[in-house]
Amino acid sequence: MFRRTFRRTLLTSTAALTLLLPFATACGGDAEAGSSSSSDLSSVTLAVGATGWKNEEAVLQFAHLDDTPYKVKWSLFQSGDQQLQAIRAGALDLASSSEIPPLFAAADGSPNFKVVAVQRGTTLNQEVVVRKGSKVTDIAGLKGKKVGYVQNTTAHYFLYELLKQAGLKWTDIDAKPLLPGDGLAALNGGGIDAFASYGTSVVTAHQQGAVAVGSGKDILSGNFLWSARDSVLKSPAQRAAAADLIARITKAYAYIRDGREHEFAEVVAKATHQPVAQAEKDFRDAQAQRPTQARTVGADTIASQQNVADVFTELGALKGKLDVKSFWSRALDTDLEKAL
C-alpha cells in the first residue's frame, strides 16, 4: 500500500490535514484582472493548494492580480499527491498537480472531485539526481541501488519510464518512497543512492552538489491538472471564482514574460535561497520550453492522462485498468473561456 501521509512542508504546520477543514496580458502597469463581478463572488472562499513554495500566490501578487473579488486560502504541500489527499478529506476546494495524483485519489472508484482544467507548464527540473562524487553516472547504474522517489507524482512516473529505457525493471532497484525534503536529507546523508524528484527540491539538490543522471523532461506531457471538489462544481459562484483564479494565474505569467523576468527572479530567489541569476535563467528556460498557460478540457488531455494511468497499471501501482474520463468534467469550460 502506498503511504498516505498528511504532513505539511517546513513552511506550514505539521498538523493533520483534517485540521484544515475550518480551513495576462500586461497593459502599461498592472496586468488586466479577471472579468467576474465582486458582487457575485464576495461571499465565496476558495481553499487552494500549492506545491513546493507558494509560487502561484507569489505570481499573482507580483502581477497585482491577487485582489480577487473572492477570498483565497492558500495551503502549501510537498507534493500534488498530498493536495489530492486534502481534496478527498474535504480540506481543499481546488488542487493543482501533475497528471498522476488524481489517478490514485480516484482509484477507489468514488472520487469527490473532477479534473476541470489543464495548465500547460514546463517539464524542466524533473530529474534523478545522485550525490557529488557518486560512482553512478547513468540510470543503468541504479541497478541494485537504493533509489528514493516522490510517490504518486511525476517523479514516480518518469523514474519508471527511465528504468525501462535503460533495460531495467522496477524490481531491479530498491525503491524508497520519500517526500522531497526527506529525500534530500536521505541523499545527503547516504541513506539512498539516488533521488527522483522535481521543482525546488531538484534546484536545492544541485545547490548542494548533486548531479543529474536522468531527466523526465522529454517523458512528461507538460499537462498539469486543476482538480475541483464536487461541491465547487455545484455552485455557480464557486465555479466562476475557480475559473477566474486559474485565468488570473495564466495572465500573471504573461505579465512576467513581458520583460519582468529579472524582477520576478528576485522574488523567486528570496523564497528558494538561490542566486537571482540562476532563478532568472530557470524561469526563462521554463517559459521558453513551454509557457505557463491554462486551457479547457480536451479529448487530447484526457487521452494523455489515460496513457499515464495505463503505465501505472503496468507497474502494478494501480490495480486494474482505470477509466480516467470518469473523473474529468467540462463544467468549468464556459467560465474559464470567458475569464481567459
Protein backbone atom coordinates (compact mmCIF):
# COMPACT_ATOMS: atom_id res chain seq x y z
CA MET A 1 0.00 0.00 0.00
CA PHE A 2 1.18 3.49 -0.73
CA ARG A 3 1.83 5.76 2.21
CA ARG A 4 -0.98 8.20 3.00
CA THR A 5 0.87 10.97 4.72
CA PHE A 6 -0.70 14.30 5.59
CA ARG A 7 2.48 16.05 6.72
CA ARG A 8 2.81 19.65 5.62
CA THR A 9 6.06 21.25 4.45
CA LEU A 10 8.51 23.02 6.75
CA LEU A 11 6.81 26.28 5.90
CA THR A 12 3.47 25.12 7.30
CA SER A 13 2.08 23.32 10.29
CA THR A 14 2.64 19.60 10.72
CA ALA A 15 -0.90 19.13 11.96
CA ALA A 16 -3.09 16.56 10.21
CA LEU A 17 -4.89 17.79 7.12
CA THR A 18 -8.21 17.18 8.73
CA LEU A 19 -7.46 20.20 10.91
CA LEU A 20 -7.58 22.29 7.76
CA LEU A 21 -11.30 21.71 7.37
CA PRO A 22 -12.28 25.03 9.12
CA PHE A 23 -9.99 25.81 6.75
CA ALA A 24 -2.29 38.21 -18.63
CA THR A 25 -1.55 40.35 -20.76
CA ALA A 26 0.23 43.41 -19.45
CA CYS A 27 -1.24 46.88 -20.14
CA GLY A 28 1.31 49.50 -19.16
CA GLY A 29 1.43 48.79 -15.39
CA ASP A 30 -0.69 46.08 -13.78
CA ALA A 31 -1.94 43.04 -15.60
CA GLU A 32 -5.58 43.00 -16.60
CA ALA A 33 -7.79 41.50 -13.89
CA GLY A 34 -10.46 38.84 -14.34
CA SER A 35 -13.91 39.72 -15.59
CA SER A 36 -16.09 38.33 -12.78
CA SER A 37 -18.06 40.79 -10.68
CA SER A 38 -17.24 41.15 -6.99
CA SER A 39 -20.94 41.44 -6.16
CA ASP A 40 -21.40 37.88 -7.44
CA LEU A 41 -18.37 36.40 -5.67
CA SER A 42 -17.90 38.37 -2.46
CA SER A 43 -19.25 35.55 -0.28
CA VAL A 44 -17.01 32.88 -1.87
CA THR A 45 -13.90 31.47 -0.17
CA LEU A 46 -11.72 29.01 -2.07
CA ALA A 47 -9.26 26.73 -0.25
CA VAL A 48 -6.49 26.23 -2.81
CA GLY A 49 -3.38 24.04 -2.72
CA ALA A 50 0.16 24.85 -3.83
CA THR A 51 3.24 22.64 -4.05
CA GLY A 52 6.87 23.41 -3.21
CA TRP A 53 6.62 27.11 -2.39
CA LYS A 54 3.63 29.38 -2.88
CA ASN A 55 4.64 30.31 -6.41
CA GLU A 56 1.09 30.73 -7.71
CA GLU A 57 0.29 33.14 -4.90
CA ALA A 58 3.60 34.97 -5.46
CA VAL A 59 2.96 35.22 -9.20
CA LEU A 60 -0.45 36.77 -8.59
CA GLN A 61 0.94 39.22 -6.05
CA PHE A 62 3.78 40.23 -8.36
CA ALA A 63 1.35 40.89 -11.24
CA HIS A 64 -1.06 42.76 -8.95
CA LEU A 65 -3.75 40.18 -9.65
CA ASP A 66 -4.22 38.98 -6.09
CA ASP A 67 -7.07 41.45 -5.46
CA THR A 68 -9.71 38.82 -6.18
CA PRO A 69 -13.40 39.59 -5.58
CA TYR A 70 -13.49 36.37 -3.52
CA LYS A 71 -11.27 35.08 -0.73
CA VAL A 72 -8.45 32.59 -1.36
CA LYS A 73 -6.91 30.49 1.41
CA TRP A 74 -3.63 29.03 0.15
CA SER A 75 -2.14 25.92 1.76
CA LEU A 76 1.32 24.57 1.00
CA PHE A 77 2.16 20.89 0.39
CA GLN A 78 5.27 18.95 -0.57
CA SER A 79 3.52 17.11 -3.39
CA GLY A 80 0.45 17.14 -5.61
CA ASP A 81 -0.40 13.77 -4.10
CA GLN A 82 -0.90 15.47 -0.73
CA GLN A 83 -3.13 18.07 -2.36
CA LEU A 84 -5.40 15.37 -3.77
CA GLN A 85 -5.48 13.68 -0.37
CA ALA A 86 -6.60 17.03 1.05
CA ILE A 87 -9.38 17.28 -1.53
CA ARG A 88 -10.52 13.78 -0.58
CA ALA A 89 -10.51 14.84 3.08
CA GLY A 90 -12.57 17.94 2.31
CA ALA A 91 -9.73 20.30 3.24
CA LEU A 92 -9.24 21.81 -0.24
CA ASP A 93 -11.62 23.10 -2.90
CA LEU A 94 -9.07 23.36 -5.70
CA ALA A 95 -5.85 21.37 -6.17
CA SER A 96 -3.05 21.67 -8.72
CA SER A 97 -0.96 18.65 -9.63
CA SER A 98 0.58 16.66 -12.42
CA GLU A 99 -1.47 14.00 -14.19
CA ILE A 100 -0.54 11.37 -11.61
CA PRO A 101 -2.06 12.28 -8.20
CA PRO A 102 -5.69 12.29 -9.41
CA LEU A 103 -5.23 8.70 -10.59
CA PHE A 104 -4.52 7.44 -7.11
CA ALA A 105 -7.09 9.70 -5.49
CA ALA A 106 -9.74 8.24 -7.81
CA ALA A 107 -8.54 4.64 -7.69
CA ASP A 108 -11.15 3.56 -5.13
CA GLY A 109 -13.89 4.39 -7.64
CA SER A 110 -15.58 7.08 -5.55
CA PRO A 111 -13.69 10.36 -6.02
CA ASN A 112 -15.28 13.54 -4.66
CA PHE A 113 -13.58 15.74 -7.27
CA LYS A 114 -13.30 16.31 -11.01
CA VAL A 115 -10.38 17.43 -13.18
CA VAL A 116 -11.72 20.68 -14.65
CA ALA A 117 -8.82 22.43 -16.40
CA VAL A 118 -5.28 21.93 -17.63
CA GLN A 119 -2.32 24.21 -17.06
CA ARG A 120 0.45 23.71 -19.57
CA GLY A 121 3.83 24.01 -17.90
CA THR A 122 7.50 23.19 -18.01
CA THR A 123 8.91 19.71 -17.52
CA LEU A 124 12.38 21.01 -16.58
CA ASN A 125 13.81 20.29 -13.11
CA GLN A 126 12.27 16.81 -13.13
CA GLU A 127 15.33 14.67 -12.51
CA VAL A 128 17.01 11.69 -10.93
CA VAL A 129 19.99 13.04 -9.00
CA VAL A 130 22.95 11.45 -7.19
CA ARG A 131 25.40 12.87 -4.66
CA LYS A 132 28.52 14.65 -5.82
CA GLY A 133 31.25 12.06 -6.31
CA SER A 134 28.82 9.16 -6.78
CA LYS A 135 30.03 6.31 -8.96
CA VAL A 136 26.55 6.17 -10.55
CA THR A 137 26.70 8.09 -13.82
CA ASP A 138 23.54 6.94 -15.61
CA ILE A 139 20.20 5.23 -15.00
CA ALA A 140 21.63 1.79 -15.77
CA GLY A 141 23.95 2.29 -12.82
CA LEU A 142 20.99 2.33 -10.45
CA LYS A 143 20.61 -1.45 -10.61
CA GLY A 144 20.67 -2.80 -7.05
CA LYS A 145 20.79 0.71 -5.58
CA LYS A 146 18.52 2.43 -3.07
CA VAL A 147 16.54 4.99 -5.05
CA GLY A 148 14.21 7.48 -3.42
CA TYR A 149 11.24 8.88 -5.31
CA VAL A 150 8.20 11.04 -4.55
CA GLN A 151 5.37 8.56 -4.66
CA ASN A 152 2.29 9.04 -6.87
CA THR A 153 3.84 12.03 -8.66
CA THR A 154 5.72 12.82 -11.86
CA ALA A 155 8.88 11.51 -10.16
CA HIS A 156 7.31 8.07 -9.73
CA TYR A 157 6.31 8.04 -13.39
CA PHE A 158 9.47 9.28 -15.06
CA LEU A 159 11.69 7.10 -12.84
CA TYR A 160 9.79 4.02 -14.01
CA GLU A 161 10.00 5.10 -17.65
CA LEU A 162 13.72 5.89 -17.38
CA LEU A 163 14.36 2.46 -15.88
CA LYS A 164 12.52 0.83 -18.78
CA GLN A 165 14.56 2.83 -21.28
CA ALA A 166 17.72 1.58 -19.58
CA GLY A 167 16.53 -2.03 -19.76
CA LEU A 168 15.76 -2.25 -16.04
CA LYS A 169 12.64 -3.27 -14.13
CA TRP A 170 11.20 -1.51 -11.10
CA THR A 171 12.25 -4.54 -9.06
CA ASP A 172 15.87 -4.03 -10.15
CA ILE A 173 16.13 -1.10 -7.73
CA ASP A 174 15.39 -0.79 -4.01
CA ALA A 175 12.69 1.86 -4.38
CA LYS A 176 12.06 4.11 -1.37
CA PRO A 177 9.00 6.41 -1.35
CA LEU A 178 10.01 9.72 0.25
CA LEU A 179 8.74 13.29 0.38
CA PRO A 180 11.03 15.90 -1.24
CA GLY A 181 12.54 17.19 1.99
CA ASP A 182 13.08 13.71 3.38
CA GLY A 183 14.57 12.54 0.10
CA LEU A 184 17.13 15.34 0.02
CA ALA A 185 18.13 14.58 3.60
CA ALA A 186 18.44 10.86 2.83
CA LEU A 187 20.51 11.55 -0.30
CA ASN A 188 22.90 13.87 1.52
CA GLY A 189 23.12 11.53 4.50
CA GLY A 190 23.87 8.43 2.41
CA GLY A 191 20.57 6.71 3.18
CA ILE A 192 19.77 6.45 -0.53
CA ASP A 193 21.99 6.38 -3.62
CA ALA A 194 19.76 8.46 -5.89
CA PHE A 195 16.60 10.53 -5.68
CA ALA A 196 13.87 11.18 -8.27
CA SER A 197 12.15 14.48 -7.59
CA TYR A 198 11.09 17.79 -9.11
CA GLY A 199 10.95 21.56 -8.76
CA THR A 200 12.51 23.31 -5.79
CA SER A 201 13.89 20.07 -4.34
CA VAL A 202 15.89 19.45 -7.53
CA VAL A 203 17.14 23.05 -7.54
CA THR A 204 18.23 22.65 -3.92
CA ALA A 205 19.88 19.30 -4.66
CA HIS A 206 22.03 20.91 -7.34
CA GLN A 207 22.96 23.73 -4.96
CA GLN A 208 24.19 21.03 -2.59
CA GLY A 209 26.35 19.46 -5.30
CA ALA A 210 24.04 16.77 -6.65
CA VAL A 211 24.38 15.65 -10.27
CA ALA A 212 21.57 14.59 -12.62
CA VAL A 213 21.78 11.09 -14.13
CA GLY A 214 18.34 11.14 -15.75
CA SER A 215 15.58 13.58 -16.67
CA GLY A 216 11.83 13.44 -17.17
CA LYS A 217 11.93 16.47 -19.50
CA ASP A 218 11.04 14.52 -22.63
CA ILE A 219 8.93 11.89 -20.88
CA LEU A 220 6.35 14.09 -19.20
CA SER A 221 3.49 15.71 -21.12
CA GLY A 222 3.61 19.15 -19.51
CA ASN A 223 -0.08 18.83 -18.60
CA PHE A 224 -0.69 19.95 -15.02
CA LEU A 225 -4.24 19.47 -13.82
CA TRP A 226 -6.64 21.57 -11.81
CA SER A 227 -8.98 19.37 -9.76
CA ALA A 228 -12.08 20.83 -8.10
CA ARG A 229 -14.14 19.30 -5.33
CA ASP A 230 -17.64 18.28 -6.50
CA SER A 231 -19.23 20.82 -4.14
CA VAL A 232 -17.42 23.60 -6.03
CA LEU A 233 -18.91 22.49 -9.32
CA LYS A 234 -22.43 22.55 -7.86
CA SER A 235 -22.12 26.25 -7.01
CA PRO A 236 -22.21 28.79 -9.90
CA ALA A 237 -20.37 31.35 -7.78
CA GLN A 238 -17.61 28.93 -6.76
CA ARG A 239 -17.25 27.73 -10.36
CA ALA A 240 -16.85 31.33 -11.53
CA ALA A 241 -14.30 32.02 -8.78
CA ALA A 242 -12.28 28.90 -9.62
CA ALA A 243 -12.24 29.78 -13.32
CA ASP A 244 -11.25 33.37 -12.55
CA LEU A 245 -8.36 32.28 -10.32
CA ILE A 246 -6.99 29.84 -12.91
CA ALA A 247 -7.23 32.52 -15.61
CA ARG A 248 -5.50 35.11 -13.39
CA ILE A 249 -2.52 32.78 -12.97
CA THR A 250 -2.22 32.50 -16.77
CA LYS A 251 -2.40 36.30 -17.12
CA ALA A 252 0.13 36.78 -14.32
CA TYR A 253 2.71 34.58 -16.06
CA ALA A 254 2.14 36.52 -19.30
CA TYR A 255 2.71 39.74 -17.35
CA ILE A 256 6.07 38.46 -16.08
CA ARG A 257 7.13 37.27 -19.53
CA ASP A 258 6.55 40.80 -20.80
CA GLY A 259 10.02 41.98 -19.73
CA ARG A 260 9.74 41.45 -15.96
CA GLU A 261 11.68 38.19 -15.63
CA HIS A 262 14.54 39.70 -13.63
CA GLU A 263 12.25 41.42 -11.15
CA PHE A 264 10.30 38.24 -10.57
CA ALA A 265 13.52 36.23 -10.26
CA GLU A 266 14.35 38.34 -7.21
CA VAL A 267 11.11 37.13 -5.62
CA VAL A 268 11.87 33.50 -6.51
CA ALA A 269 15.47 33.72 -5.28
CA LYS A 270 14.36 35.02 -1.90
CA ALA A 271 11.88 32.16 -1.50
CA THR A 272 14.13 29.36 -2.77
CA HIS A 273 17.50 30.63 -1.47
CA GLN A 274 19.27 30.56 -4.83
CA PRO A 275 21.17 33.24 -6.74
CA VAL A 276 18.96 35.69 -8.62
CA ALA A 277 20.81 34.94 -11.87
CA GLN A 278 20.06 31.23 -11.52
CA ALA A 279 16.40 31.89 -10.66
CA GLU A 280 16.08 34.12 -13.71
CA LYS A 281 17.72 31.56 -16.00
CA ASP A 282 15.47 28.79 -14.67
CA PHE A 283 12.36 30.91 -15.20
CA ARG A 284 13.36 31.96 -18.72
CA ASP A 285 14.29 28.39 -19.66
CA ALA A 286 10.99 27.07 -18.29
CA GLN A 287 8.88 29.63 -20.15
CA ALA A 288 10.88 29.14 -23.34
CA GLN A 289 10.26 25.40 -23.20
CA ARG A 290 6.53 25.72 -22.52
CA PRO A 291 4.85 28.99 -21.47
CA THR A 292 2.65 28.54 -18.42
CA GLN A 293 -0.97 28.91 -19.50
CA ALA A 294 -4.33 27.33 -18.81
CA ARG A 295 -6.69 25.67 -21.23
CA THR A 296 -10.03 23.94 -21.04
CA VAL A 297 -10.58 20.19 -21.02
CA GLY A 298 -9.96 18.40 -24.32
CA ALA A 299 -10.08 14.85 -25.62
CA ASP A 300 -6.28 15.02 -26.03
CA THR A 301 -5.70 15.92 -22.37
CA ILE A 302 -7.93 13.09 -21.19
CA ALA A 303 -6.13 10.66 -23.52
CA SER A 304 -2.75 11.82 -22.21
CA GLN A 305 -3.72 11.03 -18.63
CA GLN A 306 -5.17 7.68 -19.73
CA ASN A 307 -1.76 6.75 -21.16
CA VAL A 308 -0.17 7.60 -17.81
CA ALA A 309 -2.78 5.55 -15.94
CA ASP A 310 -2.07 2.56 -18.16
CA VAL A 311 1.64 2.80 -17.30
CA PHE A 312 0.87 2.73 -13.59
CA THR A 313 -1.37 -0.29 -14.14
CA GLU A 314 1.54 -1.96 -15.94
CA LEU A 315 3.77 -1.09 -12.99
CA GLY A 316 1.25 -2.65 -10.62
CA ALA A 317 0.72 0.57 -8.69
CA LEU A 318 -2.88 0.72 -9.89
CA LYS A 319 -4.92 -2.44 -9.53
CA GLY A 320 -6.71 -2.95 -12.82
CA LYS A 321 -7.49 -0.52 -15.64
CA LEU A 322 -8.70 2.92 -14.58
CA ASP A 323 -11.05 4.83 -16.90
CA VAL A 324 -9.86 8.40 -16.32
CA LYS A 325 -12.63 10.15 -18.22
CA SER A 326 -14.96 9.20 -15.35
CA PHE A 327 -13.40 11.94 -13.20
CA TRP A 328 -13.00 14.69 -15.80
CA SER A 329 -15.61 17.41 -16.24
CA ARG A 330 -16.23 20.28 -18.66
CA ALA A 331 -18.27 22.12 -16.02
CA LEU A 332 -15.69 24.91 -15.86
CA ASP A 333 -15.19 25.34 -19.61
CA THR A 334 -17.62 28.21 -20.19
CA ASP A 335 -16.47 30.22 -17.17
CA LEU A 336 -12.80 29.58 -17.94
CA GLU A 337 -13.10 30.56 -21.61
CA LYS A 338 -14.75 33.82 -20.55
CA ALA A 339 -12.13 34.51 -17.86
CA LEU A 340 -9.23 33.82 -20.22
